[in-house]
PDB file of N, CA and C in Angstrom:
ATOM      1  N   MET A   1       0.847  -1.185   0.000  1.00  0.00           N
ATOM      2  CA  MET A   1       0.000   0.000   0.000  1.00  0.00           C
ATOM      3  C   MET A   1       0.891   1.247   0.000  1.00  0.00           C
ATOM      4  N   ALA A   2       0.424   2.229  -0.684  1.00  0.00           N
ATOM      5  CA  ALA A   2       1.148   3.491  -0.720  1.00  0.00           C
ATOM      6  C   ALA A   2       1.045   4.184   0.634  1.00  0.00           C
ATOM      7  N   LEU A   3       2.095   4.857   0.998  1.00  0.00           N
ATOM      8  CA  LEU A   3       2.108   5.540   2.297  1.00  0.00           C
ATOM      9  C   LEU A   3       1.012   6.588   2.400  1.00  0.00           C
ATOM     10  N   LEU A   4       0.740   7.284   1.323  1.00  0.00           N
ATOM     11  CA  LEU A   4      -0.316   8.300   1.358  1.00  0.00           C
ATOM     12  C   LEU A   4      -1.682   7.667   1.591  1.00  0.00           C
ATOM     13  N   ASP A   5      -1.911   6.490   1.010  1.00  0.00           N
ATOM     14  CA  ASP A   5      -3.172   5.773   1.266  1.00  0.00           C
ATOM     15  C   ASP A   5      -3.305   5.434   2.744  1.00  0.00           C
ATOM     16  N   THR A   6      -2.225   4.959   3.338  1.00  0.00           N
ATOM     17  CA  THR A   6      -2.234   4.612   4.758  1.00  0.00           C
ATOM     18  C   THR A   6      -2.544   5.842   5.604  1.00  0.00           C
ATOM     19  N   TYR A   7      -1.885   6.960   5.295  1.00  0.00           N
ATOM     20  CA  TYR A   7      -2.138   8.194   6.038  1.00  0.00           C
ATOM     21  C   TYR A   7      -3.590   8.634   5.884  1.00  0.00           C
ATOM     22  N   ASN A   8      -4.109   8.597   4.665  1.00  0.00           N
ATOM     23  CA  ASN A   8      -5.489   9.025   4.430  1.00  0.00           C
ATOM     24  C   ASN A   8      -6.488   8.150   5.178  1.00  0.00           C
ATOM     25  N   GLN A   9      -6.235   6.855   5.243  1.00  0.00           N
ATOM     26  CA  GLN A   9      -7.132   5.964   5.986  1.00  0.00           C
ATOM     27  C   GLN A   9      -7.084   6.289   7.476  1.00  0.00           C
ATOM     28  N   LYS A  10      -5.912   6.571   7.990  1.00  0.00           N
ATOM     29  CA  LYS A  10      -5.780   6.925   9.413  1.00  0.00           C
ATOM     30  C   LYS A  10      -6.557   8.204   9.699  1.00  0.00           C
ATOM     31  N   ALA A  11      -6.481   9.142   8.784  1.00  0.00           N
ATOM     32  CA  ALA A  11      -7.085  10.457   9.007  1.00  0.00           C
ATOM     33  C   ALA A  11      -8.583  10.506   8.731  1.00  0.00           C
ATOM     34  N   THR A  12      -9.094   9.647   7.840  1.00  0.00           N
ATOM     35  CA  THR A  12     -10.472   9.842   7.391  1.00  0.00           C
ATOM     36  C   THR A  12     -11.412   8.651   7.583  1.00  0.00           C
ATOM     37  N   ASN A  13     -10.907   7.486   7.935  1.00  0.00           N
ATOM     38  CA  ASN A  13     -11.763   6.300   8.014  1.00  0.00           C
ATOM     39  C   ASN A  13     -12.443   6.238   9.380  1.00  0.00           C
ATOM     40  N   ALA A  14     -13.575   6.941   9.496  1.00  0.00           N
ATOM     41  CA  ALA A  14     -14.291   7.035  10.772  1.00  0.00           C
ATOM     42  C   ALA A  14     -14.838   5.683  11.220  1.00  0.00           C
ATOM     43  N   SER A  15     -15.294   4.876  10.300  1.00  0.00           N
ATOM     44  CA  SER A  15     -15.825   3.559  10.654  1.00  0.00           C
ATOM     45  C   SER A  15     -14.741   2.693  11.296  1.00  0.00           C
ATOM     46  N   LEU A  16     -13.564   2.692  10.694  1.00  0.00           N
ATOM     47  CA  LEU A  16     -12.459   1.919  11.251  1.00  0.00           C
ATOM     48  C   LEU A  16     -12.045   2.474  12.610  1.00  0.00           C
ATOM     49  N   ARG A  17     -11.991   3.796  12.743  1.00  0.00           N
ATOM     50  CA  ARG A  17     -11.630   4.425  14.023  1.00  0.00           C
ATOM     51  C   ARG A  17     -12.632   4.027  15.112  1.00  0.00           C
ATOM     52  N   ASN A  18     -13.921   3.991  14.776  1.00  0.00           N
ATOM     53  CA  ASN A  18     -14.937   3.598  15.757  1.00  0.00           C
ATOM     54  C   ASN A  18     -14.760   2.143  16.185  1.00  0.00           C
ATOM     55  N   LYS A  19     -14.440   1.280  15.217  1.00  0.00           N
ATOM     56  CA  LYS A  19     -14.188  -0.123  15.559  1.00  0.00           C
ATOM     57  C   LYS A  19     -12.968  -0.256  16.452  1.00  0.00           C
ATOM     58  N   VAL A  20     -11.937   0.521  16.170  1.00  0.00           N
ATOM     59  CA  VAL A  20     -10.722   0.483  16.998  1.00  0.00           C
ATOM     60  C   VAL A  20     -11.044   0.961  18.415  1.00  0.00           C
ATOM     61  N   ALA A  21     -11.810   2.026  18.540  1.00  0.00           N
ATOM     62  CA  ALA A  21     -12.185   2.535  19.866  1.00  0.00           C
ATOM     63  C   ALA A  21     -12.973   1.480  20.644  1.00  0.00           C
ATOM     64  N   ALA A  22     -13.900   0.813  19.980  1.00  0.00           N
ATOM     65  CA  ALA A  22     -14.683  -0.232  20.648  1.00  0.00           C
ATOM     66  C   ALA A  22     -13.791  -1.394  21.068  1.00  0.00           C
ATOM     67  N   ALA A  23     -12.850  -1.768  20.226  1.00  0.00           N
ATOM     68  CA  ALA A  23     -11.928  -2.860  20.568  1.00  0.00           C
ATOM     69  C   ALA A  23     -11.026  -2.473  21.733  1.00  0.00           C
ATOM     70  N   ILE A  24     -10.597  -1.224  21.777  1.00  0.00           N
ATOM     71  CA  ILE A  24      -9.771  -0.750  22.890  1.00  0.00           C
ATOM     72  C   ILE A  24     -10.561  -0.796  24.189  1.00  0.00           C
ATOM     73  N   ALA A  25     -11.794  -0.321  24.164  1.00  0.00           N
ATOM     74  CA  ALA A  25     -12.621  -0.353  25.380  1.00  0.00           C
ATOM     75  C   ALA A  25     -12.793  -1.789  25.868  1.00  0.00           C
ATOM     76  N   ALA A  26     -13.046  -2.714  24.952  1.00  0.00           N
ATOM     77  CA  ALA A  26     -13.200  -4.123  25.337  1.00  0.00           C
ATOM     78  C   ALA A  26     -11.894  -4.684  25.899  1.00  0.00           C
ATOM     79  N   ALA A  27     -10.772  -4.301  25.299  1.00  0.00           N
ATOM     80  CA  ALA A  27      -9.472  -4.785  25.770  1.00  0.00           C
ATOM     81  C   ALA A  27      -9.147  -4.242  27.162  1.00  0.00           C
ATOM     82  N   ILE A  28      -9.541  -3.013  27.405  1.00  0.00           N
ATOM     83  CA  ILE A  28      -9.313  -2.422  28.735  1.00  0.00           C
ATOM     84  C   ILE A  28     -10.146  -3.169  29.775  1.00  0.00           C
ATOM     85  N   TRP A  29     -11.422  -3.372  29.496  1.00  0.00           N
ATOM     86  CA  TRP A  29     -12.286  -4.059  30.452  1.00  0.00           C
ATOM     87  C   TRP A  29     -11.832  -5.491  30.688  1.00  0.00           C
ATOM     88  N   ALA A  30     -11.254  -6.126  29.678  1.00  0.00           N
ATOM     89  CA  ALA A  30     -10.767  -7.498  29.842  1.00  0.00           C
ATOM     90  C   ALA A  30      -9.645  -7.571  30.877  1.00  0.00           C
ATOM     91  N   VAL A  31      -8.866  -6.505  31.004  1.00  0.00           N
ATOM     92  CA  VAL A  31      -7.789  -6.477  31.999  1.00  0.00           C
ATOM     93  C   VAL A  31      -8.368  -6.604  33.409  1.00  0.00           C
ATOM     94  N   PHE A  32      -9.502  -5.964  33.661  1.00  0.00           N
ATOM     95  CA  PHE A  32     -10.121  -6.021  34.990  1.00  0.00           C
ATOM     96  C   PHE A  32     -10.599  -7.425  35.344  1.00  0.00           C
ATOM     97  N   GLU A  33     -10.792  -8.276  34.341  1.00  0.00           N
ATOM     98  CA  GLU A  33     -11.292  -9.628  34.574  1.00  0.00           C
ATOM     99  C   GLU A  33     -10.182 -10.678  34.602  1.00  0.00           C
ATOM    100  N   GLU A  34      -8.939 -10.257  34.429  1.00  0.00           N
ATOM    101  CA  GLU A  34      -7.835 -11.214  34.427  1.00  0.00           C
ATOM    102  C   GLU A  34      -7.625 -11.799  35.815  1.00  0.00           C
ATOM    103  N   SER A  35      -7.235 -13.059  35.821  1.00  0.00           N
ATOM    104  CA  SER A  35      -6.964 -13.733  37.088  1.00  0.00           C
ATOM    105  C   SER A  35      -5.675 -14.523  36.949  1.00  0.00           C
ATOM    106  N   PRO A  36      -4.733 -14.285  37.816  1.00  0.00           N
ATOM    107  CA  PRO A  36      -4.767 -13.311  38.903  1.00  0.00           C
ATOM    108  C   PRO A  36      -4.546 -11.895  38.367  1.00  0.00           C
ATOM    109  N   PRO A  37      -5.078 -10.900  39.063  1.00  0.00           N
ATOM    110  CA  PRO A  37      -4.885  -9.524  38.613  1.00  0.00           C
ATOM    111  C   PRO A  37      -3.413  -9.119  38.737  1.00  0.00           C
ATOM    112  N   VAL A  38      -2.963  -8.335  37.783  1.00  0.00           N
ATOM    113  CA  VAL A  38      -1.600  -7.817  37.798  1.00  0.00           C
ATOM    114  C   VAL A  38      -1.696  -6.317  38.031  1.00  0.00           C
ATOM    115  N   GLU A  39      -1.076  -5.863  39.098  1.00  0.00           N
ATOM    116  CA  GLU A  39      -1.236  -4.477  39.536  1.00  0.00           C
ATOM    117  C   GLU A  39      -0.891  -3.464  38.454  1.00  0.00           C
ATOM    118  N   ALA A  40       0.195  -3.689  37.722  1.00  0.00           N
ATOM    119  CA  ALA A  40       0.598  -2.731  36.687  1.00  0.00           C
ATOM    120  C   ALA A  40      -0.429  -2.675  35.554  1.00  0.00           C
ATOM    121  N   ARG A  41      -0.995  -3.820  35.196  1.00  0.00           N
ATOM    122  CA  ARG A  41      -2.001  -3.847  34.130  1.00  0.00           C
ATOM    123  C   ARG A  41      -3.290  -3.181  34.589  1.00  0.00           C
ATOM    124  N   ILE A  42      -3.661  -3.400  35.853  1.00  0.00           N
ATOM    125  CA  ILE A  42      -4.855  -2.740  36.399  1.00  0.00           C
ATOM    126  C   ILE A  42      -4.647  -1.229  36.398  1.00  0.00           C
ATOM    127  N   ALA A  43      -3.462  -0.780  36.788  1.00  0.00           N
ATOM    128  CA  ALA A  43      -3.170   0.663  36.798  1.00  0.00           C
ATOM    129  C   ALA A  43      -3.269   1.238  35.385  1.00  0.00           C
ATOM    130  N   TRP A  44      -2.735   0.505  34.416  1.00  0.00           N
ATOM    131  CA  TRP A  44      -2.831   0.958  33.023  1.00  0.00           C
ATOM    132  C   TRP A  44      -4.294   1.053  32.593  1.00  0.00           C
ATOM    133  N   ALA A  45      -5.074   0.037  32.925  1.00  0.00           N
ATOM    134  CA  ALA A  45      -6.483   0.017  32.537  1.00  0.00           C
ATOM    135  C   ALA A  45      -7.250   1.177  33.172  1.00  0.00           C
ATOM    136  N   LYS A  46      -7.001   1.424  34.449  1.00  0.00           N
ATOM    137  CA  LYS A  46      -7.677   2.536  35.132  1.00  0.00           C
ATOM    138  C   LYS A  46      -7.318   3.869  34.487  1.00  0.00           C
ATOM    139  N   ASP A  47      -6.063   4.017  34.099  1.00  0.00           N
ATOM    140  CA  ASP A  47      -5.625   5.252  33.458  1.00  0.00           C
ATOM    141  C   ASP A  47      -6.187   5.378  32.049  1.00  0.00           C
ATOM    142  N   SER A  48      -6.325   4.270  31.369  1.00  0.00           N
ATOM    143  CA  SER A  48      -6.710   4.278  29.958  1.00  0.00           C
ATOM    144  C   SER A  48      -8.207   4.379  29.717  1.00  0.00           C
ATOM    145  N   ILE A  49      -9.021   3.986  30.673  1.00  0.00           N
ATOM    146  CA  ILE A  49     -10.462   3.918  30.443  1.00  0.00           C
ATOM    147  C   ILE A  49     -11.050   5.283  30.071  1.00  0.00           C
ATOM    148  N   GLY A  50     -10.469   6.344  30.555  1.00  0.00           N
ATOM    149  CA  GLY A  50     -10.937   7.687  30.199  1.00  0.00           C
ATOM    150  C   GLY A  50     -10.282   8.251  28.952  1.00  0.00           C
ATOM    151  N   LYS A  51      -9.419   7.452  28.323  1.00  0.00           N
ATOM    152  CA  LYS A  51      -8.654   7.927  27.171  1.00  0.00           C
ATOM    153  C   LYS A  51      -8.866   7.062  25.929  1.00  0.00           C
ATOM    154  N   VAL A  52     -10.002   6.418  25.844  1.00  0.00           N
ATOM    155  CA  VAL A  52     -10.240   5.485  24.735  1.00  0.00           C
ATOM    156  C   VAL A  52     -10.108   6.182  23.383  1.00  0.00           C
ATOM    157  N   GLU A  53     -10.695   7.358  23.235  1.00  0.00           N
ATOM    158  CA  GLU A  53     -10.638   8.068  21.954  1.00  0.00           C
ATOM    159  C   GLU A  53      -9.207   8.479  21.615  1.00  0.00           C
ATOM    160  N   ALA A  54      -8.453   8.930  22.604  1.00  0.00           N
ATOM    161  CA  ALA A  54      -7.058   9.302  22.353  1.00  0.00           C
ATOM    162  C   ALA A  54      -6.237   8.080  21.966  1.00  0.00           C
ATOM    163  N   LEU A  55      -6.467   6.967  22.646  1.00  0.00           N
ATOM    164  CA  LEU A  55      -5.768   5.736  22.292  1.00  0.00           C
ATOM    165  C   LEU A  55      -6.147   5.287  20.884  1.00  0.00           C
ATOM    166  N   ALA A  56      -7.420   5.399  20.538  1.00  0.00           N
ATOM    167  CA  ALA A  56      -7.862   5.019  19.189  1.00  0.00           C
ATOM    168  C   ALA A  56      -7.130   5.852  18.144  1.00  0.00           C
ATOM    169  N   ASN A  57      -6.991   7.134  18.412  1.00  0.00           N
ATOM    170  CA  ASN A  57      -6.270   8.005  17.482  1.00  0.00           C
ATOM    171  C   ASN A  57      -4.816   7.552  17.334  1.00  0.00           C
ATOM    172  N   ASP A  58      -4.168   7.257  18.441  1.00  0.00           N
ATOM    173  CA  ASP A  58      -2.761   6.830  18.399  1.00  0.00           C
ATOM    174  C   ASP A  58      -2.601   5.447  17.784  1.00  0.00           C
ATOM    175  N   TRP A  59      -3.448   4.520  18.172  1.00  0.00           N
ATOM    176  CA  TRP A  59      -3.296   3.131  17.738  1.00  0.00           C
ATOM    177  C   TRP A  59      -3.785   2.905  16.313  1.00  0.00           C
ATOM    178  N   MET A  60      -4.472   3.883  15.735  1.00  0.00           N
ATOM    179  CA  MET A  60      -4.880   3.756  14.338  1.00  0.00           C
ATOM    180  C   MET A  60      -3.678   3.558  13.429  1.00  0.00           C
ATOM    181  N   TRP A  61      -2.533   4.122  13.794  1.00  0.00           N
ATOM    182  CA  TRP A  61      -1.334   3.928  12.968  1.00  0.00           C
ATOM    183  C   TRP A  61      -0.995   2.450  12.865  1.00  0.00           C
ATOM    184  N   ALA A  62      -1.048   1.743  13.970  1.00  0.00           N
ATOM    185  CA  ALA A  62      -0.744   0.309  13.947  1.00  0.00           C
ATOM    186  C   ALA A  62      -1.800  -0.453  13.170  1.00  0.00           C
ATOM    187  N   VAL A  63      -3.051  -0.038  13.287  1.00  0.00           N
ATOM    188  CA  VAL A  63      -4.138  -0.744  12.603  1.00  0.00           C
ATOM    189  C   VAL A  63      -4.030  -0.537  11.093  1.00  0.00           C
ATOM    190  N   VAL A  64      -3.913   0.702  10.641  1.00  0.00           N
ATOM    191  CA  VAL A  64      -3.874   0.942   9.193  1.00  0.00           C
ATOM    192  C   VAL A  64      -2.568   0.446   8.576  1.00  0.00           C
ATOM    193  N   GLY A  65      -1.537   0.292   9.377  1.00  0.00           N
ATOM    194  CA  GLY A  65      -0.268  -0.230   8.878  1.00  0.00           C
ATOM    195  C   GLY A  65      -0.214  -1.742   8.827  1.00  0.00           C
ATOM    196  N   ASN A  66      -1.221  -2.407   9.382  1.00  0.00           N
ATOM    197  CA  ASN A  66      -1.249  -3.869   9.419  1.00  0.00           C
ATOM    198  C   ASN A  66      -1.620  -4.432   8.051  1.00  0.00           C
ATOM    199  N   ILE A  67      -0.880  -5.436   7.617  1.00  0.00           N
ATOM    200  CA  ILE A  67      -1.094  -5.996   6.286  1.00  0.00           C
ATOM    201  C   ILE A  67      -2.482  -6.627   6.137  1.00  0.00           C
ATOM    202  N   ALA A  68      -3.007  -7.227   7.198  1.00  0.00           N
ATOM    203  CA  ALA A  68      -4.345  -7.823   7.116  1.00  0.00           C
ATOM    204  C   ALA A  68      -5.406  -6.743   6.894  1.00  0.00           C
ATOM    205  N   VAL A  69      -5.229  -5.607   7.522  1.00  0.00           N
ATOM    206  CA  VAL A  69      -6.169  -4.489   7.365  1.00  0.00           C
ATOM    207  C   VAL A  69      -6.056  -3.922   5.956  1.00  0.00           C
ATOM    208  N   GLN A  70      -4.840  -3.774   5.478  1.00  0.00           N
ATOM    209  CA  GLN A  70      -4.647  -3.251   4.121  1.00  0.00           C
ATOM    210  C   GLN A  70      -5.202  -4.217   3.075  1.00  0.00           C
ATOM    211  N   THR A  71      -4.972  -5.509   3.279  1.00  0.00           N
ATOM    212  CA  THR A  71      -5.464  -6.519   2.341  1.00  0.00           C
ATOM    213  C   THR A  71      -6.990  -6.511   2.286  1.00  0.00           C
ATOM    214  N   ALA A  72      -7.626  -6.196   3.413  1.00  0.00           N
ATOM    215  CA  ALA A  72      -9.090  -6.120   3.469  1.00  0.00           C
ATOM    216  C   ALA A  72      -9.607  -4.760   3.004  1.00  0.00           C
ATOM    217  N   ASN A  73      -8.735  -4.006   2.341  1.00  0.00           N
ATOM    218  CA  ASN A  73      -9.099  -2.675   1.851  1.00  0.00           C
ATOM    219  C   ASN A  73      -9.624  -1.781   2.970  1.00  0.00           C
ATOM    220  N   TYR A  74      -8.961  -1.862   4.114  1.00  0.00           N
ATOM    221  CA  TYR A  74      -9.268  -1.051   5.293  1.00  0.00           C
ATOM    222  C   TYR A  74     -10.671  -1.275   5.844  1.00  0.00           C
ATOM    223  N   ASP A  75     -11.214  -2.445   5.600  1.00  0.00           N
ATOM    224  CA  ASP A  75     -12.504  -2.843   6.184  1.00  0.00           C
ATOM    225  C   ASP A  75     -12.359  -4.255   6.734  1.00  0.00           C
ATOM    226  N   PRO A  76     -11.494  -4.413   7.751  1.00  0.00           N
ATOM    227  CA  PRO A  76     -11.186  -5.752   8.252  1.00  0.00           C
ATOM    228  C   PRO A  76     -12.288  -6.313   9.134  1.00  0.00           C
ATOM    229  N   ALA A  77     -12.199  -7.611   9.355  1.00  0.00           N
ATOM    230  CA  ALA A  77     -13.111  -8.269  10.296  1.00  0.00           C
ATOM    231  C   ALA A  77     -12.835  -7.743  11.709  1.00  0.00           C
ATOM    232  N   ASP A  78     -13.878  -7.761  12.520  1.00  0.00           N
ATOM    233  CA  ASP A  78     -13.731  -7.297  13.899  1.00  0.00           C
ATOM    234  C   ASP A  78     -12.633  -8.065  14.628  1.00  0.00           C
ATOM    235  N   GLY A  79     -12.518  -9.349  14.361  1.00  0.00           N
ATOM    236  CA  GLY A  79     -11.507 -10.166  15.018  1.00  0.00           C
ATOM    237  C   GLY A  79     -10.094  -9.724  14.695  1.00  0.00           C
ATOM    238  N   ASP A  80      -9.863  -9.245  13.475  1.00  0.00           N
ATOM    239  CA  ASP A  80      -8.533  -8.736  13.116  1.00  0.00           C
ATOM    240  C   ASP A  80      -8.201  -7.487  13.929  1.00  0.00           C
ATOM    241  N   ILE A  81      -9.170  -6.609  14.058  1.00  0.00           N
ATOM    242  CA  ILE A  81      -8.960  -5.387  14.842  1.00  0.00           C
ATOM    243  C   ILE A  81      -8.731  -5.743  16.307  1.00  0.00           C
ATOM    244  N   ALA A  82      -9.535  -6.638  16.838  1.00  0.00           N
ATOM    245  CA  ALA A  82      -9.382  -7.038  18.245  1.00  0.00           C
ATOM    246  C   ALA A  82      -8.012  -7.653  18.485  1.00  0.00           C
ATOM    247  N   TYR A  83      -7.515  -8.436  17.538  1.00  0.00           N
ATOM    248  CA  TYR A  83      -6.189  -9.041  17.683  1.00  0.00           C
ATOM    249  C   TYR A  83      -5.105  -7.964  17.734  1.00  0.00           C
ATOM    250  N   ILE A  84      -5.140  -7.017  16.807  1.00  0.00           N
ATOM    251  CA  ILE A  84      -4.138  -5.950  16.777  1.00  0.00           C
ATOM    252  C   ILE A  84      -4.181  -5.147  18.069  1.00  0.00           C
ATOM    253  N   VAL A  85      -5.384  -4.778  18.503  1.00  0.00           N
ATOM    254  CA  VAL A  85      -5.538  -4.002  19.741  1.00  0.00           C
ATOM    255  C   VAL A  85      -5.050  -4.813  20.943  1.00  0.00           C
ATOM    256  N   GLY A  86      -5.334  -6.117  20.967  1.00  0.00           N
ATOM    257  CA  GLY A  86      -4.865  -6.959  22.067  1.00  0.00           C
ATOM    258  C   GLY A  86      -3.351  -7.014  22.142  1.00  0.00           C
ATOM    259  N   VAL A  87      -2.703  -7.080  20.993  1.00  0.00           N
ATOM    260  CA  VAL A  87      -1.229  -7.080  20.964  1.00  0.00           C
ATOM    261  C   VAL A  87      -0.709  -5.753  21.499  1.00  0.00           C
ATOM    262  N   LEU A  88      -1.306  -4.646  21.063  1.00  0.00           N
ATOM    263  CA  LEU A  88      -0.879  -3.335  21.557  1.00  0.00           C
ATOM    264  C   LEU A  88      -1.111  -3.209  23.061  1.00  0.00           C
ATOM    265  N   ARG A  89      -2.274  -3.659  23.514  1.00  0.00           N
ATOM    266  CA  ARG A  89      -2.568  -3.606  24.955  1.00  0.00           C
ATOM    267  C   ARG A  89      -1.481  -4.355  25.734  1.00  0.00           C
ATOM    268  N   ASP A  90      -1.107  -5.531  25.253  1.00  0.00           N
ATOM    269  CA  ASP A  90      -0.119  -6.322  25.972  1.00  0.00           C
ATOM    270  C   ASP A  90       1.271  -5.707  25.938  1.00  0.00           C
ATOM    271  N   LYS A  91       1.528  -4.839  24.986  1.00  0.00           N
ATOM    272  CA  LYS A  91       2.807  -4.128  24.953  1.00  0.00           C
ATOM    273  C   LYS A  91       2.821  -2.943  25.919  1.00  0.00           C
ATOM    274  N   PHE A  92       1.668  -2.294  26.089  1.00  0.00           N
ATOM    275  CA  PHE A  92       1.614  -1.102  26.933  1.00  0.00           C
ATOM    276  C   PHE A  92       1.192  -1.406  28.377  1.00  0.00           C
ATOM    277  N   ALA A  93       0.380  -2.408  28.578  1.00  0.00           N
ATOM    278  CA  ALA A  93      -0.126  -2.716  29.927  1.00  0.00           C
ATOM    279  C   ALA A  93       0.771  -3.771  30.553  1.00  0.00           C
ATOM    280  N   VAL A  94       1.966  -3.380  30.898  1.00  0.00           N
ATOM    281  CA  VAL A  94       2.916  -4.335  31.483  1.00  0.00           C
ATOM    282  C   VAL A  94       3.160  -4.034  32.945  1.00  0.00           C
TER     283      VAL A  94
END
């Protein structure tokens, strides 16, 4: 994919951004249900729950840069988005 296409999708694809925000919210809530709870992950989740839209804006770069998302012409299955968001969550919520 051309870099300009990737940038334009990040900037203008509201449907994809909404799906990413929903996946982030679900990923945050999943941290609260982990057993055993990990204090650092709980702290990250508590901090992040009020920042879902900001995280969606930041994490859109990873989503639109993903080959599965590009191959799906920027309309990926929900499971693909949830997987990408889950990987990002596990990198930041340590």
